[in-house]
Every structure is written in structure tokens, then in C-alpha cells.
Amino acid sequence: MQVSWLASLGYLSVDLETIGSNSNSSVQATFLVAAPQPVDPMHPCEAHRICRALPAFHPIIGPNMGIGAAAEPLVVVTLLFGGAWFNRSIGRDDAYDIQGWTDRTVGQSEIKKSDDHGSPRQSGSMTPKSEDSLLSSSPTLGLPEEPLRRVRKIKFLKYERRITTPNTRIHKNRLLSRLLRKFPFLVEAWYWALIYWVYQVGRAITALTLVEGTVHVARRHALQVIHVEQSLHIFIEIPIQKFFLQYPTLMHWINRIYSFIHIPGTILFLVVLFYLTTTRRRRAISSKRNGNDAPVLSSAGPALYEARRRTMATCNLLAFVVFTLWPCMPPRLLSDPTYDGPDAEESKSFGFVDTVHSSTGESSVWTTNKFCNQYAAMPSLHFGYSLLIGLTIATLPIANLRTRSWKRIAIMALGMSYPALILTAIVATANHFVLDAVAGAVVCGIAWHANGILLNLLPLEDYFLSALRMHKPISWTDPEVFYNKKA
């Protein structure tokens, strides 16, 4: 057992070996605990007193994971299904299915060009000479029989091609299709689960196939990041962490922000944005058909929401490519006391402290498990997602709100405070370097402008939904285009 005293910070860093007197195995772990008073680390009585005061916990998953293992997934499920109820269709649940999103009486989307990939064309009736057409916006001009095929457009750079896929609208009256029409956010819950778990499975595969050489490469890359930051005079991680370590209560909340805000905060953002851009507009269309008026608070439309959702998926894809090709160790792992390789002296010289996974930390079930790739610090999706959310809030078009009004300025400040908070958390907890956040911002920017490429996956979705005999509600970037020949 080795005990070292961080006197200036009021913390004890305790390295334990062979926990349990009857154990034949050796377990090594580093604990960070607040010391009630200065102690002599060389005095054996002090060391044993400290160890008896440590809370019992697994050295890998942390002290609070027992409850968190159940509570955190429950929070996510509650947000997803609560969001589905909050965004449920009221009135005629097929109003938007018939009238579409082109009704100018409920306001138009004031969004940047990059947010509008393939606006739906005006509806028209199907004729024998037309290869494809949209559903008529008038309920009196409905099609006598649904075609079995529909037209999709595949586009990448200058390449463009039209293909036919199954028309899932023939299943619109089946039970699951009616359920999705009543609770359209269930589609978004499915998208989020697909995006998240595909990304996590990818990370798990890289984590389970890690070899010792990869760990050494990740450590070397982390040291290279430090050297670049030092040359740019932005190596500020150590003073930031030391500042927060002086305030244990504040550090405790910073740990919580890092561990518990990222995923629930992202889902809550999607729920609220879907309501502002999509649900209120659908309800306005339904109310208009009943002769009533419904206010639309935001002039942003469904295209904005769909672009942001695709941006998150593209962020995951780009991040996976980066950390697979260029693994990078987070700062907290540079202080590994068991490492004695060629870079050991330099790695340990910085003195980074793993505050999240210490005995007083707040580790999350999502980021601390054997399937989690610990060497994917570059880029930081914590910051990339937070920047995406912050920019969306700051620039969200709101009806009758002037650009320079105090309300608009307050909304902008609120939006940008979120990425600032997350940046502070990821650096103070030694989970990311500043350049990791910069890389996360770059990934976010690329995904922001290139997310339309994911629309090329819609043909696969058509075949998938057709196999399940389901039809999802019409979306802004998914116009109902049909093929006029029976398959």
C-alpha cells in the first residue's frame, strides 16, 4: 500500500494492492478522497485509518454505479417515452399526412440553406404519363389505390440517380403505423437508439479488440497533443483542474455534470426541438382543418429538426473514424501508477487526477463499463454535441423576435452557456484536452454542412419498414413520391 498526500489540495491519493487478506489475486486501484485534516502519509496508522474510511466500491465502475446502473437507463427511457407522449398528435392524427407541410397559413421555416435538404415539392395528381408524383394535398383527390413502389433519389457530390423502393404507405392503416401516427416521436426515439447503439457497438468492438500496442500508441498520441498545446500556449488543463480541486463541493458537481448531463441533456434537447419545430406545426394544421387557429411560437420548421438529428448521426460516424484511426488517451489515464514504459516519467509528471472514477467521483454507467473504449478522447463528442445544441438554441428562429432584442440576446447567452459548461467539465475532470474539444467542434461543423448524405440511407429504411409492414409519418425531407407501375 502506498499513500501520498496532496497537501495543497486537501486530498489523499491512495494506491491499494491486494484488497482482501485471503485473496490470491492482486487488485490495483487509485482512490482520491478528501482528507479531514493533514496527515503523515508515512505513518502506518494514518494509512489504515484512511483505508477504513473509504466507501466500498468496485475499482472499475465506481461508488455510485449500483443505483446508477438502473437509474440512468430509466431516466433515458422516461425521457424518450415521455417525449413521445408530450409530442403526441391531437385531433386528426392524419392531418399532416393529407395536407403535408406546405400550408403557408401556419408559417414558413426560416432556416439556412444547409438545413433544407430536398424540400417537398408541391403535390399533384398521378397521371399515366408521370413516372412519379406526390400525394394530392386535397383529401378529395386521393389515390384510388396505393402504388407498390416509390421513387428515391440517391445523390453524392455530382452523382445522382433515381431508384424505386417499396411504398410503405400501403401499410398506413396497420396497427403499428397508426401508433406511429399518434406518437410520431417514437420514430425519433428509434432513430436515437439506432444512432447511439451503432456508435456504442463500434466503440465496444474497438475496446474489446484493443492490444497493448494500441494503448502505447494512444499514450504517445496524448503526449503529442500536450506538446502541440504547449507550442500554442494553450496547455491550460493542469491549472484548471487544480483550481477546481481546491473546492471539493464544486468538483463534485463538475463530476456530475460530466457524467450525467450529456445523454439525458441531448435527448431533452431533441424532445423540445421536435415540439417547437414539428409538433406545434402539425397541431396548427390539424386546428386549421377544424376552423381554429393555433399559434406557432417558432418559425423554424421540421427541416431544422431533421437536419440537427442527422448532424448528430454524422458526428458519431466521423468521430468513430477518427478515434479508430488515431486513438488518444485521456489526460486522466496518463497518471496510471502501474505503467513503467518508456514514456512513464513524462506521462506521470503532469499529475492529472481522475476525479470522476475516484471514491468521491460520480461515474456513469454509459461511460464506465468493459465495453467502453477508454482511448477515444479525440474528438470530444461531449463538446461537439453541446456546441451543436448551443448553436441551435442561440440561432433558433422565433416569431416576432427582433435580432437585437434583449430576449434574443438572452437566448443566445443561454445557448452558448451550455457548451461553455461542458468544456469546463471535460477539462476539469481530466477526461479531455482542449484540442479534443477543438476537434469535436470541427467534427460538428463538418457534420452540420454534410448531414444530407444520410438521406441516401432512406431506401434501406423503406425495405426495413416494408419487411415490418409499417409506415412512418411523412417528414419534411421525405416527400411521398411514387412509381406509377405495379410491381
Protein backbone atom coordinates (compact mmCIF):
# COMPACT_ATOMS: atom_id res chain seq x y z
CA MET A 1 0.00 0.00 0.00
CA GLN A 2 1.26 3.43 -0.89
CA VAL A 3 -0.31 6.68 0.35
CA SER A 4 0.68 10.09 -1.00
CA TRP A 5 -0.60 13.37 0.43
CA LEU A 6 -1.69 16.25 -1.84
CA ALA A 7 -1.32 18.76 0.97
CA SER A 8 -2.01 21.87 -1.06
CA LEU A 9 -5.30 20.46 -2.31
CA GLY A 10 -6.57 18.66 0.79
CA TYR A 11 -6.84 15.30 -0.96
CA LEU A 12 -5.32 11.90 -0.46
CA SER A 13 -4.29 9.77 -3.42
CA VAL A 14 -4.25 6.16 -2.25
CA ASP A 15 -2.87 3.25 -4.29
CA LEU A 16 -4.08 -0.12 -2.99
CA GLU A 17 -2.78 -3.59 -3.82
CA THR A 18 -4.18 -6.98 -2.83
CA ILE A 19 -7.52 -5.99 -1.38
CA GLY A 20 -8.61 -8.74 1.00
CA SER A 21 -6.24 -10.68 3.19
CA ASN A 22 -7.30 -14.07 1.84
CA SER A 23 -7.16 -13.07 -1.80
CA ASN A 24 -4.62 -14.73 -4.05
CA SER A 25 -5.12 -12.13 -6.75
CA SER A 26 -3.79 -8.61 -6.84
CA VAL A 27 -6.15 -5.71 -7.46
CA GLN A 28 -4.74 -2.26 -8.04
CA ALA A 29 -6.77 0.92 -7.82
CA THR A 30 -6.22 4.59 -7.14
CA PHE A 31 -8.64 6.42 -4.86
CA LEU A 32 -8.99 10.14 -4.34
CA VAL A 33 -10.54 11.09 -1.02
CA ALA A 34 -10.94 14.33 0.85
CA ALA A 35 -8.81 14.40 3.98
CA PRO A 36 -10.44 15.92 7.08
CA GLN A 37 -7.06 17.09 8.35
CA PRO A 38 -3.37 16.94 7.38
CA VAL A 39 -1.86 13.52 7.96
CA ASP A 40 1.53 11.92 7.83
CA PRO A 41 1.45 9.61 4.81
CA MET A 42 4.41 7.64 6.12
CA HIS A 43 2.67 6.75 9.38
CA PRO A 44 1.09 3.26 9.06
CA CYS A 45 -1.73 4.09 11.47
CA GLU A 46 -2.80 7.03 9.33
CA ALA A 47 -2.79 4.90 6.20
CA HIS A 48 -5.01 2.21 7.75
CA ARG A 49 -7.38 4.87 9.17
CA ILE A 50 -7.80 6.33 5.71
CA CYS A 51 -8.45 2.95 4.12
CA ARG A 52 -11.13 2.06 6.69
CA ALA A 53 -12.86 5.35 5.85
CA LEU A 54 -13.03 4.59 2.14
CA PRO A 55 -16.50 3.62 0.85
CA ALA A 56 -16.81 0.14 -0.54
CA PHE A 57 -16.95 0.17 -4.31
CA HIS A 58 -15.71 -1.59 -7.36
CA PRO A 59 -12.44 -0.04 -8.57
CA ILE A 60 -13.65 -0.03 -12.15
CA ILE A 61 -17.25 1.10 -12.00
CA GLY A 62 -17.09 3.50 -9.07
CA PRO A 63 -19.03 4.04 -5.84
CA ASN A 64 -22.40 5.11 -7.20
CA MET A 65 -22.86 2.65 -10.03
CA GLY A 66 -25.15 0.28 -8.12
CA ILE A 67 -28.07 2.67 -8.26
CA GLY A 68 -26.89 4.35 -11.45
CA ALA A 69 -26.86 1.09 -13.39
CA ALA A 70 -30.66 1.05 -13.11
CA ALA A 71 -31.49 4.73 -12.62
CA GLU A 72 -29.62 6.13 -15.62
CA PRO A 73 -31.23 3.86 -18.25
CA LEU A 74 -34.58 4.53 -16.56
CA VAL A 75 -34.08 8.28 -16.98
CA VAL A 76 -33.29 7.81 -20.67
CA VAL A 77 -36.32 5.57 -21.26
CA THR A 78 -38.54 8.02 -19.37
CA LEU A 79 -37.32 10.93 -21.49
CA LEU A 80 -37.86 9.05 -24.75
CA PHE A 81 -41.35 7.77 -23.98
CA GLY A 82 -42.26 10.94 -22.11
CA GLY A 83 -41.21 12.86 -25.21
CA ALA A 84 -43.43 10.61 -27.32
CA TRP A 85 -46.42 11.45 -25.10
CA PHE A 86 -45.56 15.15 -24.99
CA ASN A 87 -45.36 15.27 -28.81
CA ARG A 88 -48.40 13.09 -29.49
CA SER A 89 -50.84 14.00 -32.24
CA ILE A 90 -54.02 15.74 -31.10
CA GLY A 91 -57.15 15.87 -33.20
CA ARG A 92 -56.98 14.30 -36.64
CA ASP A 93 -53.77 12.35 -36.45
CA ASP A 94 -53.52 12.21 -40.25
CA ALA A 95 -53.93 15.95 -40.87
CA TYR A 96 -50.29 16.44 -41.83
CA ASP A 97 -50.38 13.15 -43.76
CA ILE A 98 -53.07 14.60 -46.02
CA GLN A 99 -52.18 18.27 -46.14
CA GLY A 100 -48.42 17.97 -45.91
CA TRP A 101 -46.00 20.61 -44.62
CA THR A 102 -46.61 23.23 -47.33
CA ASP A 103 -49.51 25.11 -45.73
CA ARG A 104 -48.34 28.75 -45.73
CA THR A 105 -51.03 29.82 -43.29
CA VAL A 106 -49.17 28.23 -40.39
CA GLY A 107 -45.84 29.95 -41.13
CA GLN A 108 -42.79 29.03 -43.11
CA SER A 109 -39.43 27.76 -41.98
CA GLU A 110 -36.83 30.49 -41.75
CA ILE A 111 -33.76 28.33 -41.91
CA LYS A 112 -30.38 28.31 -43.59
CA LYS A 113 -29.98 26.53 -46.90
CA SER A 114 -27.89 23.83 -45.24
CA ASP A 115 -30.87 22.89 -43.10
CA ASP A 116 -33.19 22.25 -46.04
CA HIS A 117 -32.18 19.13 -47.97
CA GLY A 118 -34.75 18.40 -50.62
CA SER A 119 -37.81 20.46 -49.72
CA PRO A 120 -41.03 18.66 -50.60
CA ARG A 121 -42.40 19.57 -53.96
CA GLN A 122 -45.94 20.78 -54.46
CA SER A 123 -48.43 17.96 -54.54
CA GLY A 124 -50.06 16.85 -57.74
CA SER A 125 -52.28 14.09 -59.03
CA MET A 126 -50.87 10.97 -60.61
CA THR A 127 -51.24 10.60 -64.34
CA PRO A 128 -50.40 7.67 -66.60
CA LYS A 129 -47.60 9.73 -68.19
CA SER A 130 -45.92 10.76 -64.96
CA GLU A 131 -43.29 8.45 -63.59
CA ASP A 132 -43.58 9.90 -60.11
CA SER A 133 -45.81 12.32 -58.22
CA LEU A 134 -46.76 13.37 -54.73
CA LEU A 135 -49.93 12.71 -52.85
CA SER A 136 -52.52 15.36 -53.53
CA SER A 137 -52.84 17.91 -50.73
CA SER A 138 -56.58 17.77 -51.17
CA PRO A 139 -58.41 14.94 -49.41
CA THR A 140 -60.88 14.85 -52.29
CA LEU A 141 -58.18 13.91 -54.78
CA GLY A 142 -56.88 10.83 -53.01
CA LEU A 143 -55.49 7.93 -54.94
CA PRO A 144 -57.91 5.07 -55.60
CA GLU A 145 -55.18 2.53 -54.96
CA GLU A 146 -51.71 2.87 -53.49
CA PRO A 147 -48.81 2.04 -55.84
CA LEU A 148 -46.48 -0.68 -54.65
CA ARG A 149 -43.28 1.22 -55.45
CA ARG A 150 -41.96 4.70 -54.80
CA VAL A 151 -39.07 6.74 -56.18
CA ARG A 152 -35.99 7.67 -54.16
CA LYS A 153 -33.12 9.90 -55.23
CA ILE A 154 -29.54 8.91 -54.42
CA LYS A 155 -27.11 11.82 -54.51
CA PHE A 156 -23.42 12.17 -53.68
CA LEU A 157 -21.49 15.20 -54.91
CA LYS A 158 -22.20 15.32 -58.67
CA TYR A 159 -23.56 11.79 -58.84
CA GLU A 160 -27.35 11.47 -58.87
CA ARG A 161 -29.61 8.52 -59.55
CA ARG A 162 -33.27 7.63 -59.07
CA ILE A 163 -34.24 4.21 -57.78
CA THR A 164 -37.50 2.58 -56.80
CA THR A 165 -38.19 1.14 -53.36
CA PRO A 166 -41.22 -0.40 -51.63
CA ASN A 167 -44.03 2.06 -50.94
CA THR A 168 -44.65 1.59 -47.22
CA ARG A 169 -47.77 3.74 -47.40
CA ILE A 170 -49.74 0.65 -48.36
CA HIS A 171 -49.35 -0.31 -44.68
CA LYS A 172 -50.55 3.06 -43.31
CA ASN A 173 -53.69 1.62 -41.71
CA ARG A 174 -52.00 -1.20 -39.85
CA LEU A 175 -51.79 -1.05 -36.05
CA LEU A 176 -48.12 -0.09 -35.74
CA SER A 177 -48.46 2.57 -38.44
CA ARG A 178 -51.43 4.12 -36.63
CA LEU A 179 -49.43 4.03 -33.40
CA LEU A 180 -46.59 5.96 -35.03
CA ARG A 181 -49.09 8.43 -36.47
CA LYS A 182 -50.46 9.04 -32.97
CA PHE A 183 -46.99 9.19 -31.37
CA PRO A 184 -44.64 10.38 -34.15
CA PHE A 185 -41.76 10.97 -31.72
CA LEU A 186 -41.47 7.19 -31.35
CA VAL A 187 -39.78 7.32 -34.75
CA GLU A 188 -37.26 9.77 -33.29
CA ALA A 189 -36.75 7.51 -30.27
CA TRP A 190 -35.93 4.70 -32.70
CA TYR A 191 -33.53 6.93 -34.64
CA TRP A 192 -31.77 8.00 -31.44
CA ALA A 193 -31.45 4.40 -30.22
CA LEU A 194 -30.10 3.34 -33.62
CA ILE A 195 -27.58 6.20 -33.74
CA TYR A 196 -26.44 5.68 -30.17
CA TRP A 197 -26.15 1.91 -30.15
CA VAL A 198 -24.47 1.63 -33.54
CA TYR A 199 -21.88 4.09 -32.24
CA GLN A 200 -21.52 2.27 -28.91
CA VAL A 201 -21.22 -1.13 -30.59
CA GLY A 202 -18.46 0.30 -32.75
CA ARG A 203 -16.69 1.61 -29.65
CA ALA A 204 -17.21 -1.72 -27.88
CA ILE A 205 -15.62 -3.63 -30.74
CA THR A 206 -12.58 -1.37 -30.66
CA ALA A 207 -12.43 -1.68 -26.86
CA LEU A 208 -12.62 -5.49 -26.87
CA THR A 209 -10.02 -5.80 -29.62
CA LEU A 210 -7.52 -3.45 -28.01
CA VAL A 211 -3.98 -4.73 -27.76
CA GLU A 212 -1.17 -3.44 -25.60
CA GLY A 213 0.41 -1.75 -28.59
CA THR A 214 -2.73 0.33 -29.15
CA VAL A 215 -2.60 1.57 -25.56
CA HIS A 216 1.02 2.68 -26.02
CA VAL A 217 0.07 4.43 -29.27
CA ALA A 218 -2.84 6.17 -27.53
CA ARG A 219 -0.48 7.35 -24.76
CA ARG A 220 2.03 8.63 -27.29
CA HIS A 221 -0.72 10.49 -29.14
CA ALA A 222 -1.86 12.10 -25.87
CA LEU A 223 1.67 13.32 -25.23
CA GLN A 224 1.79 14.68 -28.78
CA VAL A 225 -1.41 16.62 -28.09
CA ILE A 226 0.21 18.09 -24.98
CA HIS A 227 3.29 19.11 -26.96
CA VAL A 228 1.14 20.84 -29.59
CA GLU A 229 -0.84 22.66 -26.91
CA GLN A 230 2.38 23.75 -25.23
CA SER A 231 3.68 25.14 -28.51
CA LEU A 232 0.39 27.00 -28.99
CA HIS A 233 0.41 28.20 -25.36
CA ILE A 234 -3.00 26.64 -24.67
CA PHE A 235 -1.92 23.87 -22.31
CA ILE A 236 -4.25 25.02 -19.53
CA GLU A 237 -5.67 21.69 -18.35
CA ILE A 238 -3.50 21.40 -15.22
CA PRO A 239 -4.22 24.85 -13.71
CA ILE A 240 -7.93 24.43 -14.46
CA GLN A 241 -8.09 21.08 -12.67
CA LYS A 242 -6.03 22.35 -9.74
CA PHE A 243 -8.43 25.27 -9.34
CA PHE A 244 -11.49 23.03 -9.10
CA LEU A 245 -9.75 20.53 -6.83
CA GLN A 246 -9.46 23.30 -4.25
CA TYR A 247 -13.26 23.27 -3.95
CA PRO A 248 -14.44 19.68 -3.31
CA THR A 249 -18.16 20.52 -3.47
CA LEU A 250 -17.75 22.33 -6.78
CA MET A 251 -15.60 19.48 -8.11
CA HIS A 252 -18.30 17.03 -7.07
CA TRP A 253 -20.89 18.87 -9.17
CA ILE A 254 -18.48 19.17 -12.09
CA ASN A 255 -18.11 15.37 -11.98
CA ARG A 256 -21.89 15.02 -12.06
CA ILE A 257 -22.22 17.39 -15.00
CA TYR A 258 -19.67 15.38 -16.98
CA SER A 259 -21.22 12.00 -16.17
CA PHE A 260 -24.95 12.63 -16.17
CA ILE A 261 -25.79 15.60 -18.43
CA HIS A 262 -24.51 14.52 -21.85
CA ILE A 263 -27.03 11.83 -22.83
CA PRO A 264 -30.17 13.00 -20.94
CA GLY A 265 -29.47 16.59 -21.98
CA THR A 266 -29.20 15.60 -25.64
CA ILE A 267 -32.47 13.65 -25.52
CA LEU A 268 -34.26 16.52 -23.76
CA PHE A 269 -32.98 18.88 -26.46
CA LEU A 270 -34.41 16.62 -29.18
CA VAL A 271 -37.77 16.39 -27.39
CA VAL A 272 -38.13 20.16 -27.05
CA LEU A 273 -36.82 20.94 -30.55
CA PHE A 274 -39.23 18.40 -32.06
CA TYR A 275 -42.08 20.10 -30.22
CA LEU A 276 -41.11 23.60 -31.36
CA THR A 277 -40.45 22.72 -34.99
CA THR A 278 -42.76 19.81 -35.71
CA THR A 279 -45.47 19.10 -33.13
CA ARG A 280 -46.81 22.66 -32.94
CA ARG A 281 -46.90 22.87 -36.72
CA ARG A 282 -48.75 19.57 -37.01
CA ARG A 283 -51.25 20.70 -34.40
CA ALA A 284 -51.66 24.02 -36.21
CA ILE A 285 -52.51 22.18 -39.42
CA SER A 286 -55.00 19.99 -37.55
CA SER A 287 -56.59 23.03 -35.88
CA LYS A 288 -56.82 24.86 -39.20
CA ARG A 289 -58.72 21.96 -40.73
CA ASN A 290 -61.19 22.27 -37.86
CA GLY A 291 -61.59 26.01 -38.42
CA ASN A 292 -59.43 27.06 -35.45
CA ASP A 293 -56.16 28.95 -35.24
CA ALA A 294 -53.15 27.69 -33.32
CA PRO A 295 -50.13 29.94 -32.70
CA VAL A 296 -46.73 28.77 -33.88
CA LEU A 297 -44.08 30.11 -31.50
CA SER A 298 -41.10 29.27 -33.69
CA SER A 299 -40.82 29.99 -37.39
CA ALA A 300 -38.37 27.09 -37.67
CA GLY A 301 -39.89 24.07 -39.36
CA PRO A 302 -39.38 20.29 -39.40
CA ALA A 303 -36.39 20.60 -41.75
CA LEU A 304 -34.39 22.23 -38.95
CA TYR A 305 -35.07 19.38 -36.54
CA GLU A 306 -34.30 16.69 -39.10
CA ALA A 307 -31.05 18.40 -40.08
CA ARG A 308 -29.93 18.52 -36.44
CA ARG A 309 -30.77 14.87 -35.88
CA ARG A 310 -28.79 13.89 -38.97
CA THR A 311 -25.93 16.12 -37.83
CA MET A 312 -25.66 14.14 -34.59
CA ALA A 313 -25.54 10.88 -36.51
CA THR A 314 -22.87 12.26 -38.84
CA CYS A 315 -20.86 13.45 -35.82
CA ASN A 316 -20.86 9.89 -34.48
CA LEU A 317 -19.73 8.50 -37.83
CA LEU A 318 -16.86 10.97 -38.19
CA ALA A 319 -15.78 10.55 -34.56
CA PHE A 320 -15.70 6.76 -34.93
CA VAL A 321 -13.40 7.05 -37.93
CA VAL A 322 -11.06 9.45 -36.10
CA PHE A 323 -10.61 7.54 -32.85
CA THR A 324 -10.31 4.21 -34.68
CA LEU A 325 -7.51 5.50 -36.88
CA TRP A 326 -5.95 7.78 -34.25
CA PRO A 327 -6.61 6.53 -30.68
CA CYS A 328 -5.82 9.05 -27.98
CA MET A 329 -5.59 8.53 -24.24
CA PRO A 330 -7.48 10.97 -21.99
CA PRO A 331 -5.34 13.03 -19.59
CA ARG A 332 -6.60 11.12 -16.53
CA LEU A 333 -5.03 7.85 -17.71
CA LEU A 334 -1.58 9.36 -18.15
CA SER A 335 -1.13 9.11 -14.37
CA ASP A 336 -1.52 5.32 -14.34
CA PRO A 337 0.74 4.20 -11.44
CA THR A 338 1.19 0.70 -12.92
CA TYR A 339 2.77 1.91 -16.16
CA ASP A 340 6.57 1.89 -16.27
CA GLY A 341 7.24 2.09 -20.01
CA PRO A 342 9.46 4.48 -21.94
CA ASP A 343 7.08 7.46 -21.56
CA ALA A 344 6.19 6.77 -17.92
CA GLU A 345 8.19 9.61 -16.39
CA GLU A 346 6.77 12.28 -18.68
CA SER A 347 3.22 10.88 -18.52
CA LYS A 348 3.12 10.91 -14.72
CA SER A 349 4.91 14.26 -14.40
CA PHE A 350 1.77 16.24 -15.26
CA GLY A 351 -0.13 14.93 -12.25
CA PHE A 352 -3.59 14.62 -13.81
CA VAL A 353 -6.18 13.31 -11.34
CA ASP A 354 -9.07 11.04 -12.33
CA THR A 355 -11.82 12.75 -10.34
CA VAL A 356 -14.81 11.03 -11.97
CA HIS A 357 -13.75 7.46 -11.15
CA SER A 358 -12.38 8.16 -7.68
CA SER A 359 -14.14 7.17 -4.45
CA THR A 360 -15.74 10.62 -4.28
CA GLY A 361 -16.45 10.74 -8.00
CA GLU A 362 -19.66 10.33 -9.98
CA SER A 363 -19.11 7.82 -12.77
CA SER A 364 -21.80 6.97 -15.29
CA VAL A 365 -22.99 3.58 -16.49
CA TRP A 366 -22.81 4.89 -20.07
CA THR A 367 -19.12 5.79 -19.97
CA THR A 368 -17.71 3.30 -17.46
CA ASN A 369 -18.02 -0.33 -18.44
CA LYS A 370 -15.86 -3.01 -20.01
CA PHE A 371 -17.32 -2.25 -23.44
CA CYS A 372 -16.34 1.42 -23.32
CA ASN A 373 -13.31 2.44 -25.34
CA GLN A 374 -11.21 4.49 -22.92
CA TYR A 375 -8.87 5.65 -25.69
CA ALA A 376 -11.37 7.66 -27.75
CA ALA A 377 -10.66 11.09 -26.28
CA MET A 378 -10.13 12.67 -29.71
CA PRO A 379 -12.53 14.13 -30.76
CA SER A 380 -14.74 15.08 -27.81
CA LEU A 381 -18.37 14.38 -28.67
CA HIS A 382 -19.31 15.75 -25.26
CA PHE A 383 -18.25 19.14 -26.57
CA GLY A 384 -19.29 18.54 -30.19
CA TYR A 385 -22.88 17.72 -29.18
CA SER A 386 -23.02 20.59 -26.69
CA LEU A 387 -21.84 23.05 -29.35
CA LEU A 388 -24.48 21.76 -31.78
CA ILE A 389 -27.17 22.17 -29.12
CA GLY A 390 -25.92 25.59 -28.05
CA LEU A 391 -25.75 26.96 -31.59
CA THR A 392 -29.22 25.63 -32.38
CA ILE A 393 -30.70 27.31 -29.30
CA ALA A 394 -28.82 30.56 -29.97
CA THR A 395 -29.97 30.77 -33.60
CA LEU A 396 -33.47 29.27 -33.30
CA PRO A 397 -35.86 31.45 -35.33
CA ILE A 398 -38.65 32.73 -33.08
CA ALA A 399 -41.67 34.55 -34.48
CA ASN A 400 -41.82 38.32 -33.89
CA LEU A 401 -38.47 38.42 -32.08
CA ARG A 402 -36.00 41.03 -33.32
CA THR A 403 -32.35 40.11 -33.73
CA ARG A 404 -31.08 42.75 -31.28
CA SER A 405 -33.83 42.50 -28.67
CA TRP A 406 -32.84 41.63 -25.11
CA LYS A 407 -34.79 38.39 -25.33
CA ARG A 408 -32.78 37.28 -28.37
CA ILE A 409 -29.53 38.21 -26.62
CA ALA A 410 -30.63 36.26 -23.52
CA ILE A 411 -31.46 33.20 -25.66
CA MET A 412 -28.06 33.40 -27.36
CA ALA A 413 -26.31 33.66 -23.99
CA LEU A 414 -28.31 30.70 -22.66
CA GLY A 415 -27.47 28.61 -25.71
CA MET A 416 -23.75 29.28 -25.62
CA SER A 417 -23.53 28.77 -21.85
CA TYR A 418 -24.14 25.05 -22.37
CA PRO A 419 -21.02 24.29 -24.47
CA ALA A 420 -19.03 26.55 -22.11
CA LEU A 421 -20.21 24.46 -19.15
CA ILE A 422 -19.42 21.16 -20.87
CA LEU A 423 -15.98 22.42 -21.93
CA THR A 424 -15.22 23.30 -18.32
CA ALA A 425 -16.38 19.86 -17.14
CA ILE A 426 -14.40 17.80 -19.65
CA VAL A 427 -11.18 19.70 -18.91
CA ALA A 428 -11.56 19.96 -15.12
CA THR A 429 -12.19 16.21 -14.80
CA ALA A 430 -9.15 15.42 -16.99
CA ASN A 431 -11.26 13.49 -19.48
CA HIS A 432 -10.29 15.62 -22.48
CA PHE A 433 -7.65 18.01 -23.69
CA VAL A 434 -8.54 21.42 -25.08
CA LEU A 435 -7.62 20.18 -28.56
CA ASP A 436 -10.08 17.31 -28.13
CA ALA A 437 -12.80 19.94 -27.82
CA VAL A 438 -11.45 21.78 -30.86
CA ALA A 439 -11.60 18.53 -32.83
CA GLY A 440 -15.15 17.99 -31.57
CA ALA A 441 -16.10 21.44 -32.84
CA VAL A 442 -14.55 20.70 -36.25
CA VAL A 443 -16.43 17.40 -36.47
CA CYS A 444 -19.64 19.22 -35.54
CA GLY A 445 -19.03 21.84 -38.24
CA ILE A 446 -18.39 19.25 -40.94
CA ALA A 447 -21.44 17.23 -39.91
CA TRP A 448 -23.56 20.41 -39.80
CA HIS A 449 -22.98 21.00 -43.52
CA ALA A 450 -22.65 17.41 -44.75
CA ASN A 451 -25.51 15.70 -42.90
CA GLY A 452 -27.63 15.45 -46.06
CA ILE A 453 -25.54 12.48 -47.14
CA LEU A 454 -27.52 10.33 -44.69
CA LEU A 455 -30.64 10.82 -46.83
CA ASN A 456 -29.10 8.20 -49.11
CA LEU A 457 -29.97 5.62 -46.45
CA LEU A 458 -33.72 6.16 -46.89
CA PRO A 459 -34.02 3.32 -49.45
CA LEU A 460 -32.71 0.91 -46.81
CA GLU A 461 -35.32 2.26 -44.40
CA ASP A 462 -38.05 1.64 -46.98
CA TYR A 463 -37.08 -2.02 -47.27
CA PHE A 464 -36.80 -2.36 -43.50
CA LEU A 465 -40.24 -0.84 -42.84
CA SER A 466 -41.75 -2.84 -45.68
CA ALA A 467 -40.47 -6.05 -44.09
CA LEU A 468 -42.14 -4.98 -40.83
CA ARG A 469 -45.30 -3.91 -42.73
CA MET A 470 -45.11 -0.42 -41.23
CA HIS A 471 -45.38 3.17 -42.46
CA LYS A 472 -43.86 6.11 -40.61
CA PRO A 473 -45.38 9.63 -40.63
CA ILE A 474 -44.41 11.90 -43.51
CA SER A 475 -41.39 14.08 -42.81
CA TRP A 476 -40.15 17.28 -44.45
CA THR A 477 -37.26 15.67 -46.30
CA ASP A 478 -39.20 12.52 -47.15
CA PRO A 479 -41.81 13.54 -49.74
CA GLU A 480 -44.27 10.87 -50.78
CA VAL A 481 -43.05 10.05 -54.29
CA PHE A 482 -44.50 7.04 -56.03
CA TYR A 483 -43.74 4.86 -59.02
CA ASN A 484 -46.71 4.52 -61.35
CA LYS A 485 -46.19 0.88 -62.27
CA LYS A 486 -47.36 -2.15 -60.35
CA ALA A 487 -44.52 -4.30 -59.11
